[in-house]
Amino acid sequence: MTGNPQSAPFGSILSETMAIAWYRDGAWSPMELCKTAPLQIHPAAHALHYGSACFEGFKAYRHADGSVHVFRLARHVERMRRSAQALILPEPDPALLASMVNSLIDRVRADVPEAPGALYLRPLLFGTMANIGAAATPSNEACLVVLASPVWDYFAGGIRPLKILVEEHAQRCAPHLGMVKTGGNYAAAMGPTLAARKAFGIDQVLFCPGGEVQETGASNFLLIRPGHVLTRSLDSSFLHGVTRDSLLSIARDLGYRIEERVFGVDEMMDWARNGEAALSGTAAVLSGVGTLVRNGSEHKVGDGQVGPETLRLRAALVAVQQGKAPDPHGWLTRV
């Protein structure tokens, strides 16, 4: 590992070892730990032409006693399996993927930062079959790679409220693939996000096709009040975030009423007058929204700052991840 996780952009530093396995002739090869380096793949590889690729992202944390724990490994392994199913890719065996993650963490254990840092894990699965005429044929070969990246606190520079553009027409991605963590979904959201950033100085775009609140290009969306959380009910059109699920569980433990249902932009704007809004995801956990931009006009969310309920829920989840609070749901796996 070269570079300092405390000052480098998130995900830009990689550990010197990665884990890799190949799918050929109907079976997965044994896992191998090797130097993090460029891969040799054919220029006709299915993933390069037809987007047959998916990934995951989660963290391992060093606790005060020096032990290292992965957060919700089984849930991420299962989501990658479902992504592979949706993209008609060879499914990674859950035991193989978990072994790759654990073996890699064990090999690069010294790279796991002390809190508030963490080791970010990035499994990547992509089709390698060399056939540029296979637009309607799934790849019968694949590569599974797990990368490790030491990262620091996402808010090391201080927590700040985000500015979000409300997009009431465009969709983030194809509705039947929204729950899949595939690069094409992020690429589809990048153009609208960059255009809105140039026009309005926003951080992210909240996609609300047909006036129904969905998610941003990279995060799930929550509305929060004292004792009450409202978020979109799960369907195929958006990512089933593990951080989202964890925060809802933490909120229930703290006595919040959880509503998961379809709601519209008008209801969101009404809530924003005296409530809170936040984005959830692996990197930042929970980020407060201070301003919503709708039809070119800016609308404060509450007082325009990161709200106390948002901070409370974020702190509660981070405390579990870092081993500073009990883990009643069994989310942490010791490596």
Protein backbone atom coordinates (compact mmCIF):
# COMPACT_ATOMS: atom_id res chain seq x y z
CA MET A 1 0.00 0.00 0.00
CA THR A 2 1.27 3.46 -0.90
CA GLY A 3 -0.33 6.74 0.15
CA ASN A 4 -2.12 8.02 3.22
CA PRO A 5 -5.80 7.01 3.60
CA GLN A 6 -6.44 10.09 5.75
CA SER A 7 -5.73 12.47 2.88
CA ALA A 8 -6.38 10.42 -0.28
CA PRO A 9 -9.73 10.43 -2.13
CA PHE A 10 -12.03 7.57 -1.10
CA GLY A 11 -11.06 4.33 -2.87
CA SER A 12 -7.94 5.70 -4.57
CA ILE A 13 -5.45 3.69 -2.46
CA LEU A 14 -5.39 -0.08 -2.94
CA SER A 15 -3.76 -2.78 -0.87
CA GLU A 16 -0.94 -4.60 -2.65
CA THR A 17 -2.81 -7.93 -2.66
CA MET A 18 -6.09 -8.92 -4.32
CA ALA A 19 -8.09 -12.17 -4.46
CA ILE A 20 -9.12 -13.69 -7.78
CA ALA A 21 -11.00 -16.69 -9.18
CA TRP A 22 -12.06 -17.66 -12.72
CA TYR A 23 -15.16 -19.42 -14.05
CA ARG A 24 -14.47 -21.73 -16.99
CA ASP A 25 -15.95 -24.99 -18.27
CA GLY A 26 -18.83 -24.78 -15.82
CA ALA A 27 -16.81 -24.46 -12.61
CA TRP A 28 -14.99 -21.93 -10.46
CA SER A 29 -11.23 -22.21 -10.05
CA PRO A 30 -9.67 -22.23 -6.59
CA MET A 31 -9.18 -18.77 -5.12
CA GLU A 32 -5.76 -17.17 -5.50
CA LEU A 33 -4.19 -14.28 -3.62
CA CYS A 34 -1.90 -12.29 -5.89
CA LYS A 35 -0.39 -8.86 -6.43
CA THR A 36 -2.89 -6.12 -7.25
CA ALA A 37 -2.08 -5.52 -10.90
CA PRO A 38 -3.72 -5.11 -14.32
CA LEU A 39 -5.69 -8.09 -15.59
CA GLN A 40 -5.20 -9.58 -19.04
CA ILE A 41 -8.65 -9.90 -20.64
CA HIS A 42 -9.61 -10.28 -24.26
CA PRO A 43 -10.80 -7.07 -26.01
CA ALA A 44 -13.89 -9.04 -27.08
CA ALA A 45 -14.77 -9.83 -23.43
CA HIS A 46 -18.53 -9.85 -22.88
CA ALA A 47 -18.38 -7.28 -20.06
CA LEU A 48 -16.67 -4.70 -22.26
CA HIS A 49 -19.35 -4.85 -24.96
CA TYR A 50 -22.56 -5.88 -23.23
CA GLY A 51 -22.14 -4.68 -19.64
CA SER A 52 -22.14 -8.06 -17.92
CA ALA A 53 -20.54 -6.84 -14.69
CA CYS A 54 -21.61 -6.23 -11.10
CA PHE A 55 -19.89 -5.36 -7.86
CA GLU A 56 -20.29 -4.91 -4.12
CA GLY A 57 -18.89 -2.47 -1.58
CA PHE A 58 -18.59 -2.90 2.18
CA LYS A 59 -16.13 -2.35 5.00
CA ALA A 60 -14.04 -4.12 7.61
CA TYR A 61 -13.33 -2.27 10.86
CA ARG A 62 -10.49 -2.45 13.37
CA HIS A 63 -11.86 -2.43 16.92
CA ALA A 64 -10.15 -1.00 19.98
CA ASP A 65 -8.68 -4.40 20.92
CA GLY A 66 -7.01 -4.69 17.51
CA SER A 67 -9.43 -7.28 16.12
CA VAL A 68 -10.89 -6.84 12.61
CA HIS A 69 -14.57 -7.32 11.78
CA VAL A 70 -16.45 -7.28 8.45
CA PHE A 71 -19.85 -5.56 8.46
CA ARG A 72 -22.75 -7.60 7.04
CA LEU A 73 -20.64 -9.87 4.85
CA ALA A 74 -23.38 -12.47 4.29
CA ARG A 75 -25.87 -9.81 3.13
CA HIS A 76 -23.42 -8.44 0.56
CA VAL A 77 -22.50 -11.90 -0.69
CA GLU A 78 -26.19 -12.66 -1.20
CA ARG A 79 -26.79 -9.36 -3.03
CA MET A 80 -23.92 -10.10 -5.42
CA ARG A 81 -25.41 -13.52 -6.08
CA ARG A 82 -28.74 -11.90 -6.95
CA SER A 83 -26.99 -9.35 -9.17
CA ALA A 84 -25.29 -12.19 -11.03
CA GLN A 85 -28.67 -13.86 -11.53
CA ALA A 86 -30.18 -10.66 -12.94
CA LEU A 87 -27.30 -10.20 -15.39
CA ILE A 88 -27.20 -13.92 -16.32
CA LEU A 89 -23.62 -14.22 -15.06
CA PRO A 90 -22.13 -17.33 -13.44
CA GLU A 91 -23.10 -17.05 -9.80
CA PRO A 92 -20.22 -16.92 -7.33
CA ASP A 93 -20.46 -19.66 -4.73
CA PRO A 94 -21.23 -17.89 -1.41
CA ALA A 95 -18.57 -19.88 0.42
CA LEU A 96 -15.98 -19.05 -2.26
CA LEU A 97 -16.70 -15.32 -2.17
CA ALA A 98 -16.71 -15.19 1.64
CA SER A 99 -13.43 -17.10 1.69
CA MET A 100 -11.89 -14.67 -0.81
CA VAL A 101 -12.93 -11.69 1.31
CA ASN A 102 -11.74 -13.18 4.60
CA SER A 103 -8.46 -14.45 3.16
CA LEU A 104 -7.70 -11.09 1.60
CA ILE A 105 -8.45 -9.21 4.80
CA ASP A 106 -6.22 -11.60 6.72
CA ARG A 107 -3.38 -11.08 4.23
CA VAL A 108 -3.61 -7.25 4.32
CA ARG A 109 -4.60 -7.00 7.98
CA ALA A 110 -1.93 -4.36 8.61
CA ASP A 111 -3.68 -2.08 6.08
CA VAL A 112 -6.89 -1.86 8.13
CA PRO A 113 -6.85 1.66 9.63
CA GLU A 114 -7.78 2.48 13.19
CA ALA A 115 -11.20 4.10 13.67
CA PRO A 116 -12.60 6.24 12.16
CA GLY A 117 -10.93 4.60 9.16
CA ALA A 118 -11.83 1.23 7.67
CA LEU A 119 -10.84 -1.24 4.97
CA TYR A 120 -13.22 -0.93 2.02
CA LEU A 121 -13.79 -4.21 0.14
CA ARG A 122 -14.80 -4.25 -3.53
CA PRO A 123 -15.75 -7.62 -5.07
CA LEU A 124 -16.15 -7.40 -8.86
CA LEU A 125 -17.71 -10.02 -11.12
CA PHE A 126 -17.60 -9.67 -14.92
CA GLY A 127 -18.15 -11.77 -18.03
CA THR A 128 -14.98 -12.72 -19.94
CA MET A 129 -16.34 -14.79 -22.84
CA ALA A 130 -14.68 -13.47 -26.02
CA ASN A 131 -17.52 -12.99 -28.49
CA ILE A 132 -18.57 -9.61 -29.91
CA GLY A 133 -21.67 -11.18 -31.45
CA ALA A 134 -23.11 -12.31 -28.10
CA ALA A 135 -25.54 -9.45 -27.47
CA ALA A 136 -28.31 -11.94 -26.71
CA THR A 137 -26.10 -14.68 -25.25
CA PRO A 138 -24.87 -14.73 -21.65
CA SER A 139 -21.20 -15.07 -20.89
CA ASN A 140 -20.20 -18.63 -20.01
CA GLU A 141 -16.90 -17.47 -18.56
CA ALA A 142 -16.26 -14.94 -15.80
CA CYS A 143 -13.74 -13.42 -13.45
CA LEU A 144 -14.30 -12.67 -9.77
CA VAL A 145 -11.91 -10.22 -8.13
CA VAL A 146 -11.85 -8.77 -4.62
CA LEU A 147 -9.95 -5.52 -4.06
CA ALA A 148 -9.15 -3.88 -0.73
CA SER A 149 -8.83 -0.14 -0.15
CA PRO A 150 -7.89 1.53 3.17
CA VAL A 151 -10.20 4.54 3.62
CA TRP A 152 -10.67 7.24 6.21
CA ASP A 153 -13.75 8.91 7.67
CA TYR A 154 -15.83 10.22 4.75
CA PHE A 155 -16.49 13.37 6.78
CA ALA A 156 -12.90 13.95 7.87
CA GLY A 157 -13.23 17.53 6.61
CA GLY A 158 -16.37 18.06 8.68
CA ILE A 159 -19.97 17.06 8.14
CA ARG A 160 -21.78 19.44 5.80
CA PRO A 161 -25.35 19.52 4.47
CA LEU A 162 -25.83 18.40 0.87
CA LYS A 163 -27.66 20.19 -1.93
CA ILE A 164 -29.86 17.86 -4.01
CA LEU A 165 -31.63 18.46 -7.32
CA VAL A 166 -35.15 17.00 -7.54
CA GLU A 167 -35.49 15.37 -10.98
CA GLU A 168 -39.17 14.58 -11.62
CA HIS A 169 -38.93 13.09 -15.11
CA ALA A 170 -35.76 11.14 -15.86
CA GLN A 171 -35.08 7.71 -14.38
CA ARG A 172 -31.77 6.73 -12.84
CA CYS A 173 -31.64 3.48 -14.83
CA ALA A 174 -33.74 0.72 -16.37
CA PRO A 175 -36.49 0.07 -13.77
CA HIS A 176 -36.12 -3.72 -13.80
CA LEU A 177 -32.38 -3.47 -13.02
CA GLY A 178 -32.37 -0.72 -10.42
CA MET A 179 -31.73 -3.19 -7.59
CA VAL A 180 -28.61 -4.55 -9.32
CA LYS A 181 -25.27 -3.05 -8.34
CA THR A 182 -23.94 -2.77 -11.86
CA GLY A 183 -21.71 -0.09 -13.31
CA GLY A 184 -24.15 0.77 -16.09
CA ASN A 185 -26.61 2.16 -13.55
CA TYR A 186 -24.00 4.56 -12.18
CA ALA A 187 -22.92 5.56 -15.69
CA ALA A 188 -26.55 6.31 -16.59
CA ALA A 189 -26.84 8.71 -13.65
CA MET A 190 -23.51 10.44 -14.21
CA GLY A 191 -24.52 12.67 -17.13
CA PRO A 192 -27.62 14.16 -15.44
CA THR A 193 -25.70 14.59 -12.20
CA LEU A 194 -22.76 16.42 -13.77
CA ALA A 195 -25.08 18.63 -15.83
CA ALA A 196 -27.08 19.55 -12.72
CA ARG A 197 -23.91 20.17 -10.75
CA LYS A 198 -22.77 22.66 -13.40
CA ALA A 199 -26.15 24.38 -13.55
CA PHE A 200 -27.12 24.45 -9.87
CA GLY A 201 -24.02 23.55 -7.83
CA ILE A 202 -25.69 20.43 -6.43
CA ASP A 203 -24.06 17.35 -4.91
CA GLN A 204 -26.43 14.69 -6.24
CA VAL A 205 -29.67 14.26 -8.20
CA LEU A 206 -32.71 12.72 -6.52
CA PHE A 207 -34.52 10.80 -9.24
CA CYS A 208 -38.32 10.99 -8.91
CA PRO A 209 -39.72 9.57 -12.18
CA GLY A 210 -43.40 10.38 -12.55
CA GLY A 211 -43.23 12.45 -9.36
CA GLU A 212 -42.48 9.43 -7.12
CA VAL A 213 -39.40 9.78 -4.91
CA GLN A 214 -36.86 7.05 -5.60
CA GLU A 215 -33.11 7.48 -4.91
CA THR A 216 -30.05 9.45 -6.02
CA GLY A 217 -27.42 8.22 -8.44
CA ALA A 218 -25.41 6.63 -5.62
CA SER A 219 -27.50 6.61 -2.42
CA ASN A 220 -30.83 5.68 -0.90
CA PHE A 221 -33.04 8.51 0.36
CA LEU A 222 -34.70 8.84 3.77
CA LEU A 223 -36.97 11.40 5.43
CA ILE A 224 -36.54 11.67 9.18
CA ARG A 225 -38.37 13.29 12.09
CA PRO A 226 -38.14 12.61 15.84
CA GLY A 227 -39.36 9.04 16.24
CA HIS A 228 -40.30 8.62 12.55
CA VAL A 229 -38.51 7.53 9.35
CA LEU A 230 -40.10 7.45 5.88
CA THR A 231 -38.41 5.83 2.86
CA ARG A 232 -39.42 4.29 -0.44
CA SER A 233 -40.64 0.69 -0.20
CA LEU A 234 -38.39 -1.83 -1.94
CA ASP A 235 -39.00 -2.71 -5.57
CA SER A 236 -36.84 -3.55 -8.60
CA SER A 237 -36.34 0.10 -9.62
CA PHE A 238 -33.69 1.06 -7.04
CA LEU A 239 -30.84 -0.43 -5.03
CA HIS A 240 -31.71 -2.42 -1.92
CA GLY A 241 -29.04 -0.76 0.17
CA VAL A 242 -27.48 -2.70 3.02
CA THR A 243 -26.74 0.55 4.86
CA ARG A 244 -30.39 1.55 4.38
CA ASP A 245 -31.54 -1.75 5.85
CA SER A 246 -29.10 -1.41 8.76
CA LEU A 247 -30.22 2.13 9.56
CA LEU A 248 -33.89 1.11 9.53
CA SER A 249 -33.10 -1.73 11.94
CA ILE A 250 -31.17 0.62 14.22
CA ALA A 251 -34.04 3.11 14.09
CA ARG A 252 -36.54 0.40 15.07
CA ASP A 253 -34.29 -0.57 17.98
CA LEU A 254 -34.38 3.09 19.11
CA GLY A 255 -38.18 3.18 18.93
CA TYR A 256 -38.67 5.02 15.64
CA ARG A 257 -41.76 4.30 13.56
CA ILE A 258 -40.62 3.08 10.15
CA GLU A 259 -42.70 3.69 7.04
CA GLU A 260 -41.66 2.02 3.80
CA ARG A 261 -44.03 3.10 1.03
CA VAL A 262 -44.35 5.02 -2.21
CA PHE A 263 -44.53 8.80 -1.70
CA GLY A 264 -44.41 11.79 -3.99
CA VAL A 265 -42.38 14.94 -4.39
CA ASP A 266 -45.09 17.19 -2.92
CA GLU A 267 -45.18 15.12 0.29
CA MET A 268 -41.39 15.25 0.47
CA MET A 269 -41.36 19.02 0.09
CA ASP A 270 -43.97 19.36 2.82
CA TRP A 271 -41.90 17.13 5.12
CA ALA A 272 -38.78 19.17 4.39
CA ARG A 273 -40.28 22.33 5.90
CA ASN A 274 -39.70 21.15 9.45
CA GLY A 275 -38.19 17.67 9.07
CA GLU A 276 -34.92 16.16 7.91
CA ALA A 277 -33.72 14.36 4.77
CA ALA A 278 -30.66 12.17 4.36
CA LEU A 279 -28.79 9.90 1.94
CA SER A 280 -27.54 6.48 3.05
CA GLY A 281 -24.67 4.47 1.61
CA THR A 282 -21.54 2.52 2.51
CA ALA A 283 -19.03 5.36 2.14
CA ALA A 284 -20.69 8.09 4.22
CA VAL A 285 -23.24 5.93 6.16
CA LEU A 286 -25.78 8.77 6.47
CA SER A 287 -25.43 12.27 4.98
CA GLY A 288 -27.80 15.09 5.83
CA VAL A 289 -29.54 17.02 3.04
CA GLY A 290 -29.75 20.77 3.66
CA THR A 291 -31.25 22.03 0.40
CA LEU A 292 -33.59 20.67 -2.26
CA VAL A 293 -33.54 22.33 -5.69
CA ARG A 294 -36.88 22.02 -7.48
CA ASN A 295 -37.77 23.77 -10.74
CA GLY A 296 -34.75 26.03 -10.34
CA SER A 297 -35.69 27.21 -6.83
CA GLU A 298 -33.87 26.30 -3.63
CA HIS A 299 -35.83 24.99 -0.63
CA LYS A 300 -34.23 24.49 2.77
CA VAL A 301 -34.69 21.20 4.55
CA GLY A 302 -35.48 22.23 8.11
CA ASP A 303 -32.95 24.90 9.06
CA GLY A 304 -30.67 23.95 6.18
CA GLN A 305 -28.18 22.09 8.36
CA VAL A 306 -27.59 18.41 9.12
CA GLY A 307 -30.37 17.54 11.54
CA PRO A 308 -30.00 16.02 15.04
CA GLU A 309 -31.98 12.89 14.16
CA THR A 310 -29.72 12.22 11.18
CA LEU A 311 -26.65 12.62 13.37
CA ARG A 312 -28.17 10.37 16.03
CA LEU A 313 -28.91 7.51 13.64
CA ARG A 314 -25.53 7.78 11.93
CA ALA A 315 -23.69 7.73 15.26
CA ALA A 316 -25.68 4.72 16.44
CA LEU A 317 -24.80 2.64 13.38
CA VAL A 318 -21.14 3.72 13.33
CA ALA A 319 -20.84 2.72 16.99
CA VAL A 320 -21.93 -0.84 16.12
CA GLN A 321 -19.58 -1.00 13.13
CA GLN A 322 -16.61 0.17 15.19
CA GLY A 323 -17.36 -2.14 18.11
CA LYS A 324 -18.24 0.68 20.49
CA ALA A 325 -21.82 -0.55 20.96
CA PRO A 326 -23.39 -4.03 21.15
CA ASP A 327 -24.15 -5.91 17.94
CA PRO A 328 -27.60 -7.42 18.69
CA HIS A 329 -28.25 -8.38 15.06
CA GLY A 330 -25.00 -10.31 14.57
CA TRP A 331 -23.85 -8.10 11.71
CA LEU A 332 -20.12 -8.28 12.42
CA THR A 333 -17.91 -11.18 11.31
CA ARG A 334 -14.53 -11.43 12.99
CA VAL A 335 -11.64 -12.18 10.65
